[in-house]
Amino acid sequence: MGMTFEAVYENGVLRPLESLALPNMQHVLVTISGAPVTPDDVAGYFEPEEWEAAKHDDISLDEVRRALSSINGSLSDAAIASREER
């Protein structure tokens, strides 16, 4: 029998986010993998190396404002186009 479900780890216990059709005290083998990226989870948009490199960016607020003012259309369209270029 195999099944895939999402769970949350809290206070030392894995808690399924849905009801499981298992008898009480059923022993199971658990494989842990990363949770799927949700649309509001920005962490999934960048690789770990990109996050690490960003820690050392010394960008001023004025530089950000100048860069944002040069974007035609919506910021989300520009971000999507930038990701597609990679």
N, C-alpha and C. Protein backbone atom coordinates (compact mmCIF):
# COMPACT_ATOMS: atom_id res chain seq x y z
N MET A 1 0.84 -1.17 0.00
CA MET A 1 0.00 0.00 0.00
C MET A 1 0.89 1.24 0.00
N GLY A 2 0.61 2.20 -0.87
CA GLY A 2 1.35 3.44 -0.89
C GLY A 2 0.40 4.61 -0.90
N MET A 3 0.81 5.69 -0.27
CA MET A 3 0.01 6.90 -0.29
C MET A 3 0.93 8.08 -0.09
N THR A 4 0.54 9.20 -0.63
CA THR A 4 1.29 10.43 -0.47
C THR A 4 0.36 11.47 0.13
N PHE A 5 0.85 12.17 1.14
CA PHE A 5 0.05 13.20 1.78
C PHE A 5 0.97 14.24 2.37
N GLU A 6 0.45 15.42 2.60
CA GLU A 6 1.22 16.48 3.24
C GLU A 6 1.02 16.39 4.75
N ALA A 7 2.07 16.75 5.47
CA ALA A 7 2.01 16.75 6.93
C ALA A 7 2.78 17.95 7.45
N VAL A 8 2.52 18.29 8.69
CA VAL A 8 3.23 19.37 9.37
C VAL A 8 3.95 18.74 10.57
N TYR A 9 5.20 19.14 10.76
CA TYR A 9 5.96 18.68 11.91
C TYR A 9 5.81 19.73 13.00
N GLU A 10 5.20 19.36 14.12
CA GLU A 10 5.05 20.30 15.23
C GLU A 10 5.18 19.57 16.55
N ASN A 11 5.96 20.15 17.43
CA ASN A 11 6.16 19.60 18.77
C ASN A 11 6.61 18.13 18.74
N GLY A 12 7.48 17.79 17.79
CA GLY A 12 8.04 16.45 17.73
C GLY A 12 7.16 15.41 17.07
N VAL A 13 6.04 15.83 16.46
CA VAL A 13 5.10 14.88 15.86
C VAL A 13 4.77 15.31 14.44
N LEU A 14 4.75 14.34 13.50
CA LEU A 14 4.25 14.62 12.15
C LEU A 14 2.74 14.51 12.17
N ARG A 15 2.06 15.61 11.79
CA ARG A 15 0.60 15.65 11.79
C ARG A 15 0.11 15.75 10.36
N PRO A 16 -0.60 14.73 9.85
CA PRO A 16 -1.13 14.80 8.48
C PRO A 16 -2.12 15.95 8.34
N LEU A 17 -2.15 16.55 7.16
CA LEU A 17 -3.08 17.64 6.91
C LEU A 17 -4.42 17.13 6.40
N GLU A 18 -4.57 15.83 6.30
CA GLU A 18 -5.83 15.22 5.88
C GLU A 18 -6.02 13.94 6.68
N SER A 19 -7.24 13.46 6.73
CA SER A 19 -7.54 12.22 7.43
C SER A 19 -6.96 11.03 6.66
N LEU A 20 -6.33 10.11 7.37
CA LEU A 20 -5.74 8.93 6.74
C LEU A 20 -6.55 7.68 7.09
N ALA A 21 -6.77 6.84 6.10
CA ALA A 21 -7.53 5.60 6.31
C ALA A 21 -6.57 4.52 6.81
N LEU A 22 -6.10 4.69 8.04
CA LEU A 22 -5.19 3.72 8.65
C LEU A 22 -5.75 3.31 10.01
N PRO A 23 -5.58 2.03 10.35
CA PRO A 23 -6.02 1.63 11.69
C PRO A 23 -5.12 2.26 12.75
N ASN A 24 -5.66 2.47 13.92
CA ASN A 24 -4.91 3.04 15.03
C ASN A 24 -3.68 2.18 15.34
N MET A 25 -2.56 2.81 15.59
CA MET A 25 -1.28 2.16 15.92
C MET A 25 -0.65 1.44 14.73
N GLN A 26 -1.13 1.70 13.51
CA GLN A 26 -0.54 1.11 12.30
C GLN A 26 0.89 1.61 12.15
N HIS A 27 1.83 0.70 11.97
CA HIS A 27 3.22 1.07 11.71
C HIS A 27 3.36 1.37 10.22
N VAL A 28 4.06 2.47 9.90
CA VAL A 28 4.27 2.86 8.51
C VAL A 28 5.74 3.26 8.32
N LEU A 29 6.19 3.26 7.09
CA LEU A 29 7.51 3.74 6.73
C LEU A 29 7.33 5.13 6.13
N VAL A 30 8.03 6.11 6.67
CA VAL A 30 7.85 7.49 6.24
C VAL A 30 9.09 7.95 5.46
N THR A 31 8.87 8.58 4.32
CA THR A 31 9.93 9.19 3.53
C THR A 31 9.69 10.69 3.54
N ILE A 32 10.69 11.46 3.92
CA ILE A 32 10.55 12.91 4.01
C ILE A 32 11.11 13.54 2.74
N SER A 33 10.33 14.42 2.12
CA SER A 33 10.82 15.22 1.00
C SER A 33 10.35 16.65 1.23
N GLY A 34 10.91 17.58 0.50
CA GLY A 34 10.51 18.97 0.65
C GLY A 34 9.06 19.17 0.28
N ALA A 35 8.42 20.10 0.94
CA ALA A 35 7.02 20.40 0.65
C ALA A 35 6.93 21.11 -0.70
N PRO A 36 5.84 20.90 -1.41
CA PRO A 36 5.67 21.61 -2.68
C PRO A 36 5.60 23.10 -2.44
N VAL A 37 6.08 23.85 -3.40
CA VAL A 37 6.06 25.30 -3.30
C VAL A 37 4.65 25.80 -3.58
N THR A 38 4.15 26.64 -2.71
CA THR A 38 2.84 27.22 -2.90
C THR A 38 2.99 28.57 -3.60
N PRO A 39 1.95 29.07 -4.24
CA PRO A 39 2.06 30.33 -4.97
C PRO A 39 2.54 31.51 -4.12
N ASP A 40 2.24 31.50 -2.82
CA ASP A 40 2.66 32.62 -1.97
C ASP A 40 3.99 32.37 -1.27
N ASP A 41 4.68 31.29 -1.61
CA ASP A 41 5.96 30.95 -1.01
C ASP A 41 7.09 31.45 -1.91
N VAL A 42 7.69 32.59 -1.57
CA VAL A 42 8.72 33.16 -2.43
C VAL A 42 10.05 32.42 -2.32
N ALA A 43 10.22 31.61 -1.29
CA ALA A 43 11.49 30.90 -1.14
C ALA A 43 11.77 29.98 -2.31
N GLY A 44 10.73 29.44 -2.92
CA GLY A 44 10.91 28.51 -4.03
C GLY A 44 11.31 29.16 -5.34
N TYR A 45 11.26 30.48 -5.41
CA TYR A 45 11.61 31.17 -6.65
C TYR A 45 13.12 31.24 -6.88
N PHE A 46 13.90 31.02 -5.84
CA PHE A 46 15.35 31.15 -5.96
C PHE A 46 16.04 29.90 -5.44
N GLU A 47 17.19 29.62 -6.01
CA GLU A 47 18.01 28.50 -5.55
C GLU A 47 18.71 28.90 -4.25
N PRO A 48 19.09 27.93 -3.41
CA PRO A 48 19.79 28.27 -2.15
C PRO A 48 21.03 29.13 -2.37
N GLU A 49 21.74 28.90 -3.48
CA GLU A 49 22.93 29.70 -3.76
C GLU A 49 22.57 31.16 -4.00
N GLU A 50 21.42 31.39 -4.65
CA GLU A 50 20.98 32.77 -4.91
C GLU A 50 20.63 33.48 -3.60
N TRP A 51 19.97 32.76 -2.68
CA TRP A 51 19.66 33.35 -1.38
C TRP A 51 20.93 33.69 -0.63
N GLU A 52 21.92 32.80 -0.70
CA GLU A 52 23.19 33.04 0.01
C GLU A 52 23.91 34.25 -0.57
N ALA A 53 23.95 34.35 -1.90
CA ALA A 53 24.61 35.49 -2.53
C ALA A 53 23.90 36.80 -2.20
N ALA A 54 22.58 36.75 -2.08
CA ALA A 54 21.81 37.95 -1.79
C ALA A 54 22.10 38.52 -0.41
N LYS A 55 22.58 37.70 0.50
CA LYS A 55 22.92 38.18 1.84
C LYS A 55 23.99 39.25 1.79
N HIS A 56 24.82 39.20 0.76
CA HIS A 56 25.97 40.10 0.67
C HIS A 56 25.73 41.28 -0.27
N ASP A 57 24.51 41.43 -0.77
CA ASP A 57 24.17 42.56 -1.64
C ASP A 57 24.06 43.84 -0.81
N ASP A 58 24.76 44.86 -1.23
CA ASP A 58 24.66 46.17 -0.58
C ASP A 58 23.96 47.12 -1.54
N ILE A 59 22.65 46.97 -1.65
CA ILE A 59 21.86 47.77 -2.57
C ILE A 59 21.10 48.81 -1.77
N SER A 60 21.19 50.06 -2.21
CA SER A 60 20.49 51.13 -1.50
C SER A 60 19.03 51.21 -1.95
N LEU A 61 18.23 51.88 -1.15
CA LEU A 61 16.83 52.08 -1.47
C LEU A 61 16.69 52.89 -2.76
N ASP A 62 17.57 53.88 -2.96
CA ASP A 62 17.52 54.67 -4.19
C ASP A 62 17.80 53.81 -5.42
N GLU A 63 18.73 52.87 -5.31
CA GLU A 63 19.01 51.98 -6.44
C GLU A 63 17.79 51.11 -6.76
N VAL A 64 17.12 50.64 -5.75
CA VAL A 64 15.91 49.83 -5.95
C VAL A 64 14.83 50.67 -6.62
N ARG A 65 14.64 51.89 -6.14
CA ARG A 65 13.62 52.76 -6.73
C ARG A 65 13.92 53.04 -8.20
N ARG A 66 15.19 53.31 -8.53
CA ARG A 66 15.56 53.58 -9.93
C ARG A 66 15.28 52.34 -10.79
N ALA A 67 15.65 51.17 -10.29
CA ALA A 67 15.43 49.94 -11.06
C ALA A 67 13.95 49.68 -11.27
N LEU A 68 13.15 49.87 -10.23
CA LEU A 68 11.72 49.63 -10.34
C LEU A 68 11.05 50.63 -11.27
N SER A 69 11.52 51.84 -11.30
CA SER A 69 10.90 52.86 -12.16
C SER A 69 11.16 52.59 -13.63
N SER A 70 12.15 51.78 -13.94
CA SER A 70 12.47 51.50 -15.35
C SER A 70 11.67 50.32 -15.91
N ILE A 71 10.88 49.68 -15.09
CA ILE A 71 10.12 48.51 -15.53
C ILE A 71 8.81 48.95 -16.18
N ASN A 72 8.63 48.55 -17.43
CA ASN A 72 7.37 48.82 -18.12
C ASN A 72 6.40 47.68 -17.82
N GLY A 73 5.12 47.99 -17.68
CA GLY A 73 4.14 46.96 -17.39
C GLY A 73 4.15 46.61 -15.91
N SER A 74 3.77 45.39 -15.59
CA SER A 74 3.67 45.00 -14.19
C SER A 74 4.96 44.36 -13.71
N LEU A 75 5.22 44.50 -12.43
CA LEU A 75 6.40 43.90 -11.82
C LEU A 75 6.35 42.38 -11.92
N SER A 76 5.17 41.79 -11.78
CA SER A 76 5.07 40.33 -11.86
C SER A 76 5.42 39.83 -13.25
N ASP A 77 5.00 40.56 -14.31
CA ASP A 77 5.36 40.16 -15.67
C ASP A 77 6.88 40.22 -15.87
N ALA A 78 7.50 41.25 -15.32
CA ALA A 78 8.96 41.38 -15.44
C ALA A 78 9.68 40.24 -14.71
N ALA A 79 9.18 39.87 -13.53
CA ALA A 79 9.80 38.79 -12.77
C ALA A 79 9.66 37.46 -13.51
N ILE A 80 8.49 37.22 -14.08
CA ILE A 80 8.27 35.98 -14.84
C ILE A 80 9.18 35.93 -16.05
N ALA A 81 9.29 37.04 -16.77
CA ALA A 81 10.17 37.08 -17.94
C ALA A 81 11.63 36.86 -17.54
N SER A 82 12.03 37.42 -16.42
CA SER A 82 13.41 37.23 -15.95
C SER A 82 13.69 35.78 -15.63
N ARG A 83 12.73 35.11 -14.98
CA ARG A 83 12.91 33.68 -14.65
C ARG A 83 12.97 32.83 -15.91
N GLU A 84 12.18 33.19 -16.92
CA GLU A 84 12.16 32.41 -18.16
C GLU A 84 13.46 32.55 -18.94
N GLU A 85 14.15 33.68 -18.77
CA GLU A 85 15.41 33.91 -19.45
C GLU A 85 16.53 33.03 -18.91
N ARG A 86 16.40 32.57 -17.68
CA ARG A 86 17.47 31.78 -17.04
C ARG A 86 17.52 30.41 -17.58
